[in-house]
Amino acid sequence: MNFAEYARQIRSIGREVNPETLQATRALLTPLASPLDPAEVKVARDVQYSANERCRMDIFTPAAGFDPKRPILVFVHGGGFIAGDKHTEGSPFYSNIGAWAVRNGCNGITMTYRLAPNYQWPSGIDDIHHLIRFIRHEGTEHGLDSDCIFLMGQSAGAAHAASYVAHPELYAPFGHGLSGLILLSGLYNFTSMPIGPLERSYIGDDFTLYEARSSLGGLLASNLPMMVTVAENDPPLFEQQGLELLTAYQRKHQHLPHFVYAMGQNHLSVAMALGIEGDLIGPQLKNFIDEYSRYR
């Protein structure tokens, strides 16, 4: 399937995010994803990084042997704050991201985290912090170097990743420990968007706290290199949130962060399509990592 036909089929699925569009997107992407080759990529599944049963990660390294002198790409999945996982048996998602990392000169981690409504803000920040600390203290046992970590999240995962960078006071005196931040179609300002039951399940019912729990201000105050994406077929809400972040960033810094408009993708496919033929995000992501990696 050429990319023009792929983009046409993605557009035909529509811009909404619901079980039907998720199923249709998975059905389209699954046969296009490259199979995980154990001769190329070694995977350590379900490594605990904290005590809660949801706090698990899959670690992707070269099958030829540990090479710690690689950046680490950590991926935080989406799911509306209440669902999602790093891997489902029989599905290529999101192992495609860990495999992409290894094939492009990185080590990869895909993580799960605690979910709302049982765990609310700032549980996502806390879980990412625990994972980064795990890499710092125990990463060498898995062939990982904690000195060069890129954090990437999609949708609710992007909201968690952004919040982690934006709220360093929650894990002070430790720093964020990152070399770069990649945000795929996230939410950044809870005060400028309609709050539905999914968002409320995580950020709570007290509207007076929404500004403080948003990530926009903290992202603007950070000098961490940032890559922001908006998908062509994102729902309008995610377009608006992405544009608000880009506009505010440009006003403060007088330049845009690294920005990618994901042509031919929808809200769900932008992460699932990483590594397929014709993917537009992958080359831009590699360029971003190469530019800010300590190993360049």
C-alpha atoms as a PDB file:
ATOM      1  CA  MET A   1       0.000   0.000   0.000  1.00  0.00           C
ATOM      2  CA  ASN A   2       1.481   3.348  -0.978  1.00  0.00           C
ATOM      3  CA  PHE A   3       1.307   6.237   1.471  1.00  0.00           C
ATOM      4  CA  ALA A   4      -1.344   8.128  -0.496  1.00  0.00           C
ATOM      5  CA  GLU A   5      -3.706   5.143  -0.262  1.00  0.00           C
ATOM      6  CA  TYR A   6      -2.837   4.676   3.403  1.00  0.00           C
ATOM      7  CA  ALA A   7      -3.620   8.347   4.123  1.00  0.00           C
ATOM      8  CA  ARG A   8      -6.923   8.051   2.258  1.00  0.00           C
ATOM      9  CA  GLN A   9      -7.947   5.088   4.391  1.00  0.00           C
ATOM     10  CA  ILE A  10      -6.934   6.864   7.599  1.00  0.00           C
ATOM     11  CA  ARG A  11      -9.040   9.883   6.619  1.00  0.00           C
ATOM     12  CA  SER A  12     -12.004   7.603   5.912  1.00  0.00           C
ATOM     13  CA  ILE A  13     -11.890   6.376   9.529  1.00  0.00           C
ATOM     14  CA  GLY A  14     -12.666   9.893  10.728  1.00  0.00           C
ATOM     15  CA  ARG A  15     -11.320  12.208  13.401  1.00  0.00           C
ATOM     16  CA  GLU A  16     -13.223  10.979  16.440  1.00  0.00           C
ATOM     17  CA  VAL A  17     -11.569   8.873  19.139  1.00  0.00           C
ATOM     18  CA  ASN A  18     -13.829   5.995  20.149  1.00  0.00           C
ATOM     19  CA  PRO A  19     -13.744   2.175  20.222  1.00  0.00           C
ATOM     20  CA  GLU A  20     -14.818   1.956  16.572  1.00  0.00           C
ATOM     21  CA  THR A  21     -12.072   4.236  15.256  1.00  0.00           C
ATOM     22  CA  LEU A  22      -9.520   2.516  17.483  1.00  0.00           C
ATOM     23  CA  GLN A  23     -10.508  -0.874  16.090  1.00  0.00           C
ATOM     24  CA  ALA A  24     -10.432   0.401  12.496  1.00  0.00           C
ATOM     25  CA  THR A  25      -7.031   2.037  12.959  1.00  0.00           C
ATOM     26  CA  ARG A  26      -5.553  -1.098  14.491  1.00  0.00           C
ATOM     27  CA  ALA A  27      -6.977  -3.241  11.683  1.00  0.00           C
ATOM     28  CA  LEU A  28      -5.364  -0.988   9.085  1.00  0.00           C
ATOM     29  CA  LEU A  29      -1.967  -0.704  10.824  1.00  0.00           C
ATOM     30  CA  THR A  30      -1.456  -4.250  12.105  1.00  0.00           C
ATOM     31  CA  PRO A  31      -0.518  -5.870   8.766  1.00  0.00           C
ATOM     32  CA  LEU A  32       1.748  -2.918   7.943  1.00  0.00           C
ATOM     33  CA  ALA A  33       3.813  -3.138  11.127  1.00  0.00           C
ATOM     34  CA  SER A  34       7.196  -4.826  10.874  1.00  0.00           C
ATOM     35  CA  PRO A  35       7.318  -8.050  12.904  1.00  0.00           C
ATOM     36  CA  LEU A  36       9.593  -8.044  15.915  1.00  0.00           C
ATOM     37  CA  ASP A  37      12.709  -9.975  14.892  1.00  0.00           C
ATOM     38  CA  PRO A  38      14.363 -11.670  17.899  1.00  0.00           C
ATOM     39  CA  ALA A  39      17.591 -11.869  15.904  1.00  0.00           C
ATOM     40  CA  GLU A  40      17.612  -8.071  15.824  1.00  0.00           C
ATOM     41  CA  VAL A  41      15.812  -6.904  18.963  1.00  0.00           C
ATOM     42  CA  LYS A  42      15.943  -8.360  22.472  1.00  0.00           C
ATOM     43  CA  VAL A  43      12.905  -7.649  24.682  1.00  0.00           C
ATOM     44  CA  ALA A  44      12.700  -7.922  28.463  1.00  0.00           C
ATOM     45  CA  ARG A  45       8.976  -7.885  29.254  1.00  0.00           C
ATOM     46  CA  ASP A  46       7.203  -6.642  32.376  1.00  0.00           C
ATOM     47  CA  VAL A  47      10.167  -5.359  34.351  1.00  0.00           C
ATOM     48  CA  GLN A  48       8.822  -3.743  37.539  1.00  0.00           C
ATOM     49  CA  TYR A  49      10.029  -0.198  38.101  1.00  0.00           C
ATOM     50  CA  SER A  50       7.834   0.455  41.167  1.00  0.00           C
ATOM     51  CA  ALA A  51       5.673  -1.559  43.539  1.00  0.00           C
ATOM     52  CA  ASN A  52       2.239  -1.165  41.917  1.00  0.00           C
ATOM     53  CA  GLU A  53       1.303  -3.968  39.494  1.00  0.00           C
ATOM     54  CA  ARG A  54       0.708  -1.386  36.728  1.00  0.00           C
ATOM     55  CA  CYS A  55       4.242  -0.049  37.069  1.00  0.00           C
ATOM     56  CA  ARG A  56       5.851  -2.295  34.468  1.00  0.00           C
ATOM     57  CA  MET A  57       8.038  -1.657  31.446  1.00  0.00           C
ATOM     58  CA  ASP A  58       9.332  -3.529  28.411  1.00  0.00           C
ATOM     59  CA  ILE A  59      13.002  -2.924  27.612  1.00  0.00           C
ATOM     60  CA  PHE A  60      14.239  -3.159  24.010  1.00  0.00           C
ATOM     61  CA  THR A  61      17.959  -3.560  23.305  1.00  0.00           C
ATOM     62  CA  PRO A  62      20.028  -4.912  20.393  1.00  0.00           C
ATOM     63  CA  ALA A  63      19.979  -8.718  20.205  1.00  0.00           C
ATOM     64  CA  ALA A  64      23.689  -8.637  19.375  1.00  0.00           C
ATOM     65  CA  GLY A  65      24.437  -7.534  22.947  1.00  0.00           C
ATOM     66  CA  PHE A  66      24.114  -4.619  25.325  1.00  0.00           C
ATOM     67  CA  ASP A  67      25.219  -1.277  23.955  1.00  0.00           C
ATOM     68  CA  PRO A  68      24.689   1.305  26.707  1.00  0.00           C
ATOM     69  CA  LYS A  69      26.145   4.085  24.580  1.00  0.00           C
ATOM     70  CA  ARG A  70      22.765   4.651  22.993  1.00  0.00           C
ATOM     71  CA  PRO A  71      20.067   7.169  23.855  1.00  0.00           C
ATOM     72  CA  ILE A  72      17.006   5.710  25.568  1.00  0.00           C
ATOM     73  CA  LEU A  73      13.566   6.407  24.101  1.00  0.00           C
ATOM     74  CA  VAL A  74      10.852   6.014  26.763  1.00  0.00           C
ATOM     75  CA  PHE A  75       7.272   5.806  25.462  1.00  0.00           C
ATOM     76  CA  VAL A  76       4.170   6.606  27.553  1.00  0.00           C
ATOM     77  CA  HIS A  77       0.970   5.197  26.008  1.00  0.00           C
ATOM     78  CA  GLY A  78      -2.387   6.958  25.773  1.00  0.00           C
ATOM     79  CA  GLY A  79      -5.829   5.774  26.816  1.00  0.00           C
ATOM     80  CA  GLY A  80      -7.807   8.734  28.101  1.00  0.00           C
ATOM     81  CA  PHE A  81      -6.177   8.476  31.562  1.00  0.00           C
ATOM     82  CA  ILE A  82      -8.307   5.397  32.357  1.00  0.00           C
ATOM     83  CA  ALA A  83      -7.055   2.691  29.958  1.00  0.00           C
ATOM     84  CA  GLY A  84      -4.214   1.542  27.718  1.00  0.00           C
ATOM     85  CA  ASP A  85      -1.139  -0.621  27.975  1.00  0.00           C
ATOM     86  CA  LYS A  86       2.387  -0.863  26.650  1.00  0.00           C
ATOM     87  CA  HIS A  87       1.760  -4.202  24.936  1.00  0.00           C
ATOM     88  CA  THR A  88      -1.057  -6.616  24.163  1.00  0.00           C
ATOM     89  CA  GLU A  89      -0.192 -10.211  23.315  1.00  0.00           C
ATOM     90  CA  GLY A  90      -0.630 -10.829  19.597  1.00  0.00           C
ATOM     91  CA  SER A  91      -0.525  -7.115  18.729  1.00  0.00           C
ATOM     92  CA  PRO A  92       2.502  -5.218  17.363  1.00  0.00           C
ATOM     93  CA  PHE A  93       1.568  -2.123  19.403  1.00  0.00           C
ATOM     94  CA  TYR A  94       3.476  -0.594  21.109  1.00  0.00           C
ATOM     95  CA  SER A  95       6.402  -2.903  20.627  1.00  0.00           C
ATOM     96  CA  ASN A  96       6.757  -1.213  17.240  1.00  0.00           C
ATOM     97  CA  ILE A  97       8.127   1.815  19.112  1.00  0.00           C
ATOM     98  CA  GLY A  98      10.704  -0.182  21.058  1.00  0.00           C
ATOM     99  CA  ALA A  99      11.761  -1.954  17.867  1.00  0.00           C
ATOM    100  CA  TRP A 100      11.978   1.381  16.030  1.00  0.00           C
ATOM    101  CA  ALA A 101      14.250   2.679  18.786  1.00  0.00           C
ATOM    102  CA  VAL A 102      16.694  -0.220  18.455  1.00  0.00           C
ATOM    103  CA  ARG A 103      16.703  -0.039  14.651  1.00  0.00           C
ATOM    104  CA  ASN A 104      17.504   3.661  14.837  1.00  0.00           C
ATOM    105  CA  GLY A 105      20.414   3.626  17.234  1.00  0.00           C
ATOM    106  CA  CYS A 106      18.571   3.821  20.576  1.00  0.00           C
ATOM    107  CA  ASN A 107      17.509   1.540  23.374  1.00  0.00           C
ATOM    108  CA  GLY A 108      13.759   1.562  23.924  1.00  0.00           C
ATOM    109  CA  ILE A 109      11.363   1.416  26.871  1.00  0.00           C
ATOM    110  CA  THR A 110       7.573   1.215  26.725  1.00  0.00           C
ATOM    111  CA  MET A 111       5.882   1.739  30.078  1.00  0.00           C
ATOM    112  CA  THR A 112       2.544   1.277  31.784  1.00  0.00           C
ATOM    113  CA  TYR A 113       1.393   3.446  34.668  1.00  0.00           C
ATOM    114  CA  ARG A 114      -1.382   3.693  37.249  1.00  0.00           C
ATOM    115  CA  LEU A 115      -4.797   4.657  35.894  1.00  0.00           C
ATOM    116  CA  ALA A 116      -7.639   6.943  36.923  1.00  0.00           C
ATOM    117  CA  PRO A 117     -10.013   7.069  38.657  1.00  0.00           C
ATOM    118  CA  ASN A 118      -8.261   4.964  41.297  1.00  0.00           C
ATOM    119  CA  TYR A 119      -5.116   7.047  40.878  1.00  0.00           C
ATOM    120  CA  GLN A 120      -5.406  10.752  40.171  1.00  0.00           C
ATOM    121  CA  TRP A 121      -3.041  13.660  39.544  1.00  0.00           C
ATOM    122  CA  PRO A 122      -0.056  13.566  40.043  1.00  0.00           C
ATOM    123  CA  SER A 123       0.203   9.751  39.814  1.00  0.00           C
ATOM    124  CA  GLY A 124       1.391   9.935  36.187  1.00  0.00           C
ATOM    125  CA  ILE A 125       4.215  12.290  37.160  1.00  0.00           C
ATOM    126  CA  ASP A 126       5.157  10.070  40.085  1.00  0.00           C
ATOM    127  CA  ASP A 127       5.274   6.940  37.935  1.00  0.00           C
ATOM    128  CA  ILE A 128       7.506   8.537  35.302  1.00  0.00           C
ATOM    129  CA  HIS A 129       9.766   9.783  38.098  1.00  0.00           C
ATOM    130  CA  HIS A 130      10.014   6.251  39.530  1.00  0.00           C
ATOM    131  CA  LEU A 131      10.882   4.879  36.095  1.00  0.00           C
ATOM    132  CA  ILE A 132      13.623   7.472  35.557  1.00  0.00           C
ATOM    133  CA  ARG A 133      15.017   6.682  39.010  1.00  0.00           C
ATOM    134  CA  PHE A 134      14.954   2.960  38.170  1.00  0.00           C
ATOM    135  CA  ILE A 135      17.006   3.637  35.041  1.00  0.00           C
ATOM    136  CA  ARG A 136      19.422   5.782  37.042  1.00  0.00           C
ATOM    137  CA  HIS A 137      19.979   3.190  39.777  1.00  0.00           C
ATOM    138  CA  GLU A 138      19.412  -0.150  38.044  1.00  0.00           C
ATOM    139  CA  GLY A 139      19.636   0.581  34.326  1.00  0.00           C
ATOM    140  CA  THR A 140      23.160  -0.762  33.908  1.00  0.00           C
ATOM    141  CA  GLU A 141      21.842  -4.246  34.712  1.00  0.00           C
ATOM    142  CA  HIS A 142      19.722  -3.956  31.559  1.00  0.00           C
ATOM    143  CA  GLY A 143      22.361  -2.302  29.364  1.00  0.00           C
ATOM    144  CA  LEU A 144      20.905   1.204  29.772  1.00  0.00           C
ATOM    145  CA  ASP A 145      22.713   4.505  30.254  1.00  0.00           C
ATOM    146  CA  SER A 146      20.721   7.012  32.300  1.00  0.00           C
ATOM    147  CA  ASP A 147      22.654  10.010  30.960  1.00  0.00           C
ATOM    148  CA  CYS A 148      20.676  10.300  27.712  1.00  0.00           C
ATOM    149  CA  ILE A 149      16.915   9.762  27.999  1.00  0.00           C
ATOM    150  CA  PHE A 150      14.228  11.033  25.626  1.00  0.00           C
ATOM    151  CA  LEU A 151      10.652  10.915  26.945  1.00  0.00           C
ATOM    152  CA  MET A 152       7.826  10.502  24.416  1.00  0.00           C
ATOM    153  CA  GLY A 153       4.099  10.352  25.146  1.00  0.00           C
ATOM    154  CA  GLN A 154       0.958  10.123  23.031  1.00  0.00           C
ATOM    155  CA  SER A 155      -2.451  11.625  23.934  1.00  0.00           C
ATOM    156  CA  ALA A 156      -2.936  11.093  27.694  1.00  0.00           C
ATOM    157  CA  GLY A 157       0.629   9.789  27.718  1.00  0.00           C
ATOM    158  CA  ALA A 158       1.761  13.107  26.238  1.00  0.00           C
ATOM    159  CA  ALA A 159      -0.167  14.900  28.982  1.00  0.00           C
ATOM    160  CA  HIS A 160       1.695  12.829  31.594  1.00  0.00           C
ATOM    161  CA  ALA A 161       5.076  13.387  29.898  1.00  0.00           C
ATOM    162  CA  ALA A 162       4.454  17.129  29.635  1.00  0.00           C
ATOM    163  CA  SER A 163       3.350  17.288  33.270  1.00  0.00           C
ATOM    164  CA  TYR A 164       6.493  15.462  34.378  1.00  0.00           C
ATOM    165  CA  VAL A 165       8.692  18.114  32.794  1.00  0.00           C
ATOM    166  CA  ALA A 166       6.408  20.968  33.885  1.00  0.00           C
ATOM    167  CA  HIS A 167       6.268  20.072  37.600  1.00  0.00           C
ATOM    168  CA  PRO A 168       9.823  19.419  38.801  1.00  0.00           C
ATOM    169  CA  GLU A 169       8.829  20.627  42.272  1.00  0.00           C
ATOM    170  CA  LEU A 170       7.060  17.292  42.794  1.00  0.00           C
ATOM    171  CA  TYR A 171      10.296  15.308  42.667  1.00  0.00           C
ATOM    172  CA  ALA A 172      12.815  17.910  43.809  1.00  0.00           C
ATOM    173  CA  PRO A 173      15.693  17.900  44.588  1.00  0.00           C
ATOM    174  CA  PHE A 174      16.063  15.398  41.751  1.00  0.00           C
ATOM    175  CA  GLY A 175      16.132  16.791  38.201  1.00  0.00           C
ATOM    176  CA  HIS A 176      14.011  15.448  35.357  1.00  0.00           C
ATOM    177  CA  GLY A 177      16.986  13.544  33.962  1.00  0.00           C
ATOM    178  CA  LEU A 178      15.982  14.033  30.329  1.00  0.00           C
ATOM    179  CA  SER A 179      17.753  15.058  27.129  1.00  0.00           C
ATOM    180  CA  GLY A 180      14.539  15.767  25.222  1.00  0.00           C
ATOM    181  CA  LEU A 181      10.739  15.625  25.280  1.00  0.00           C
ATOM    182  CA  ILE A 182       8.479  14.407  22.450  1.00  0.00           C
ATOM    183  CA  LEU A 183       4.758  15.194  22.650  1.00  0.00           C
ATOM    184  CA  LEU A 184       2.386  13.416  20.251  1.00  0.00           C
ATOM    185  CA  SER A 185      -1.068  15.052  20.250  1.00  0.00           C
ATOM    186  CA  GLY A 186      -1.296  15.918  23.921  1.00  0.00           C
ATOM    187  CA  LEU A 187      -3.259  18.091  26.352  1.00  0.00           C
ATOM    188  CA  TYR A 188      -1.417  20.979  27.991  1.00  0.00           C
ATOM    189  CA  ASN A 189      -3.880  23.525  29.401  1.00  0.00           C
ATOM    190  CA  PHE A 190      -6.873  22.238  31.353  1.00  0.00           C
ATOM    191  CA  THR A 191      -8.280  25.759  31.759  1.00  0.00           C
ATOM    192  CA  SER A 192      -8.778  26.397  28.033  1.00  0.00           C
ATOM    193  CA  MET A 193     -10.575  23.196  27.063  1.00  0.00           C
ATOM    194  CA  PRO A 194     -13.895  21.535  27.832  1.00  0.00           C
ATOM    195  CA  ILE A 195     -13.339  19.045  30.634  1.00  0.00           C
ATOM    196  CA  GLY A 196     -15.053  15.722  30.091  1.00  0.00           C
ATOM    197  CA  PRO A 197     -15.422  12.746  32.412  1.00  0.00           C
ATOM    198  CA  LEU A 198     -12.122  11.202  31.279  1.00  0.00           C
ATOM    199  CA  GLU A 199     -10.061  14.281  32.109  1.00  0.00           C
ATOM    200  CA  ARG A 200     -11.968  14.856  35.347  1.00  0.00           C
ATOM    201  CA  SER A 201     -11.324  11.275  36.443  1.00  0.00           C
ATOM    202  CA  TYR A 202      -7.608  12.119  36.543  1.00  0.00           C
ATOM    203  CA  ILE A 203      -7.310  15.830  37.358  1.00  0.00           C
ATOM    204  CA  GLY A 204     -10.229  15.878  39.806  1.00  0.00           C
ATOM    205  CA  ASP A 205     -13.349  17.961  40.363  1.00  0.00           C
ATOM    206  CA  ASP A 206     -11.761  21.071  41.878  1.00  0.00           C
ATOM    207  CA  PHE A 207     -11.627  23.533  38.975  1.00  0.00           C
ATOM    208  CA  THR A 208      -9.567  25.967  41.055  1.00  0.00           C
ATOM    209  CA  LEU A 209      -6.637  23.541  40.743  1.00  0.00           C
ATOM    210  CA  TYR A 210      -6.769  23.140  36.967  1.00  0.00           C
ATOM    211  CA  GLU A 211      -4.325  25.928  36.160  1.00  0.00           C
ATOM    212  CA  ALA A 212      -1.762  24.624  38.621  1.00  0.00           C
ATOM    213  CA  ARG A 213      -2.224  21.073  37.299  1.00  0.00           C
ATOM    214  CA  SER A 214      -1.798  22.116  33.667  1.00  0.00           C
ATOM    215  CA  SER A 215       1.621  21.751  32.064  1.00  0.00           C
ATOM    216  CA  LEU A 216       1.638  24.816  29.782  1.00  0.00           C
ATOM    217  CA  GLY A 217       3.364  27.215  32.169  1.00  0.00           C
ATOM    218  CA  GLY A 218       6.003  24.717  33.215  1.00  0.00           C
ATOM    219  CA  LEU A 219       6.762  23.735  29.634  1.00  0.00           C
ATOM    220  CA  LEU A 220       7.308  27.386  28.734  1.00  0.00           C
ATOM    221  CA  ALA A 221       9.672  27.796  31.677  1.00  0.00           C
ATOM    222  CA  SER A 222      11.752  24.755  30.709  1.00  0.00           C
ATOM    223  CA  ASN A 223      14.736  24.905  28.375  1.00  0.00           C
ATOM    224  CA  LEU A 224      14.500  21.187  27.597  1.00  0.00           C
ATOM    225  CA  PRO A 225      14.542  20.487  23.839  1.00  0.00           C
ATOM    226  CA  MET A 226      10.997  19.685  22.744  1.00  0.00           C
ATOM    227  CA  MET A 227       9.365  18.085  19.714  1.00  0.00           C
ATOM    228  CA  VAL A 228       5.613  18.632  19.284  1.00  0.00           C
ATOM    229  CA  THR A 229       3.337  16.869  16.812  1.00  0.00           C
ATOM    230  CA  VAL A 230      -0.252  17.410  15.710  1.00  0.00           C
ATOM    231  CA  ALA A 231      -1.910  14.851  13.438  1.00  0.00           C
ATOM    232  CA  GLU A 232      -3.755  15.868  10.278  1.00  0.00           C
ATOM    233  CA  ASN A 233      -6.844  13.992  11.466  1.00  0.00           C
ATOM    234  CA  ASP A 234      -6.633  14.828  15.163  1.00  0.00           C
ATOM    235  CA  PRO A 235      -9.904  15.832  16.841  1.00  0.00           C
ATOM    236  CA  PRO A 236     -10.231  19.639  17.003  1.00  0.00           C
ATOM    237  CA  LEU A 237      -9.500  19.654  20.750  1.00  0.00           C
ATOM    238  CA  PHE A 238      -6.001  18.238  20.230  1.00  0.00           C
ATOM    239  CA  GLU A 239      -5.347  20.623  17.352  1.00  0.00           C
ATOM    240  CA  GLN A 240      -6.316  23.527  19.610  1.00  0.00           C
ATOM    241  CA  GLN A 241      -4.134  22.319  22.467  1.00  0.00           C
ATOM    242  CA  GLY A 242      -1.149  21.801  20.174  1.00  0.00           C
ATOM    243  CA  LEU A 243      -1.557  25.236  18.597  1.00  0.00           C
ATOM    244  CA  GLU A 244      -1.916  26.873  22.017  1.00  0.00           C
ATOM    245  CA  LEU A 245       1.362  25.331  23.149  1.00  0.00           C
ATOM    246  CA  LEU A 246       3.143  26.286  19.923  1.00  0.00           C
ATOM    247  CA  THR A 247       1.835  29.853  19.992  1.00  0.00           C
ATOM    248  CA  ALA A 248       2.716  30.413  23.640  1.00  0.00           C
ATOM    249  CA  TYR A 249       6.153  28.854  23.138  1.00  0.00           C
ATOM    250  CA  GLN A 250       6.877  31.090  20.157  1.00  0.00           C
ATOM    251  CA  ARG A 251       5.812  34.198  22.046  1.00  0.00           C
ATOM    252  CA  LYS A 252       8.118  33.383  24.944  1.00  0.00           C
ATOM    253  CA  HIS A 253      11.135  32.060  23.069  1.00  0.00           C
ATOM    254  CA  GLN A 254      10.725  33.864  19.719  1.00  0.00           C
ATOM    255  CA  HIS A 255      10.994  30.587  17.856  1.00  0.00           C
ATOM    256  CA  LEU A 256       8.999  27.373  17.580  1.00  0.00           C
ATOM    257  CA  PRO A 257      10.022  24.081  19.128  1.00  0.00           C
ATOM    258  CA  HIS A 258      10.699  21.255  16.716  1.00  0.00           C
ATOM    259  CA  PHE A 259       7.227  20.818  15.182  1.00  0.00           C
ATOM    260  CA  VAL A 260       5.883  18.039  12.969  1.00  0.00           C
ATOM    261  CA  TYR A 261       2.483  18.098  11.287  1.00  0.00           C
ATOM    262  CA  ALA A 262       1.696  14.409  10.889  1.00  0.00           C
ATOM    263  CA  MET A 263       0.173  14.280   7.423  1.00  0.00           C
ATOM    264  CA  GLY A 264      -1.978  11.241   6.734  1.00  0.00           C
ATOM    265  CA  GLN A 265      -2.282  10.238  10.400  1.00  0.00           C
ATOM    266  CA  ASN A 266      -5.080  10.338  12.930  1.00  0.00           C
ATOM    267  CA  HIS A 267      -4.913  10.716  16.685  1.00  0.00           C
ATOM    268  CA  LEU A 268      -4.434   6.990  17.210  1.00  0.00           C
ATOM    269  CA  SER A 269      -2.224   6.081  14.264  1.00  0.00           C
ATOM    270  CA  VAL A 270       0.540   8.595  14.941  1.00  0.00           C
ATOM    271  CA  ALA A 271       2.225   6.195  17.410  1.00  0.00           C
ATOM    272  CA  MET A 272       1.100   2.928  15.798  1.00  0.00           C
ATOM    273  CA  ALA A 273       2.585   3.930  12.447  1.00  0.00           C
ATOM    274  CA  LEU A 274       6.098   4.548  13.756  1.00  0.00           C
ATOM    275  CA  GLY A 275       8.368   2.458  11.587  1.00  0.00           C
ATOM    276  CA  ILE A 276       5.999   1.597   8.730  1.00  0.00           C
ATOM    277  CA  GLU A 277       7.001   2.416   5.166  1.00  0.00           C
ATOM    278  CA  GLY A 278       6.306   6.059   4.403  1.00  0.00           C
ATOM    279  CA  ASP A 279       6.028   7.077   8.062  1.00  0.00           C
ATOM    280  CA  LEU A 280       6.727  10.811   8.337  1.00  0.00           C
ATOM    281  CA  ILE A 281       7.246  10.935  12.103  1.00  0.00           C
ATOM    282  CA  GLY A 282      10.110   8.431  12.313  1.00  0.00           C
ATOM    283  CA  PRO A 283      12.718  10.387  10.297  1.00  0.00           C
ATOM    284  CA  GLN A 284      11.866  13.601  12.161  1.00  0.00           C
ATOM    285  CA  LEU A 285      12.084  11.797  15.509  1.00  0.00           C
ATOM    286  CA  LYS A 286      15.485  10.338  14.598  1.00  0.00           C
ATOM    287  CA  ASN A 287      16.745  13.781  13.566  1.00  0.00           C
ATOM    288  CA  PHE A 288      15.554  15.252  16.863  1.00  0.00           C
ATOM    289  CA  ILE A 289      17.207  12.518  18.943  1.00  0.00           C
ATOM    290  CA  ASP A 290      20.424  12.709  16.930  1.00  0.00           C
ATOM    291  CA  GLU A 291      20.579  16.476  17.369  1.00  0.00           C
ATOM    292  CA  TYR A 292      20.263  16.422  21.146  1.00  0.00           C
ATOM    293  CA  SER A 293      21.902  13.084  21.999  1.00  0.00           C
ATOM    294  CA  ARG A 294      25.081  13.239  24.045  1.00  0.00           C
ATOM    295  CA  TYR A 295      26.452  10.551  21.716  1.00  0.00           C
ATOM    296  CA  ARG A 296      26.191  12.607  18.515  1.00  0.00           C
END
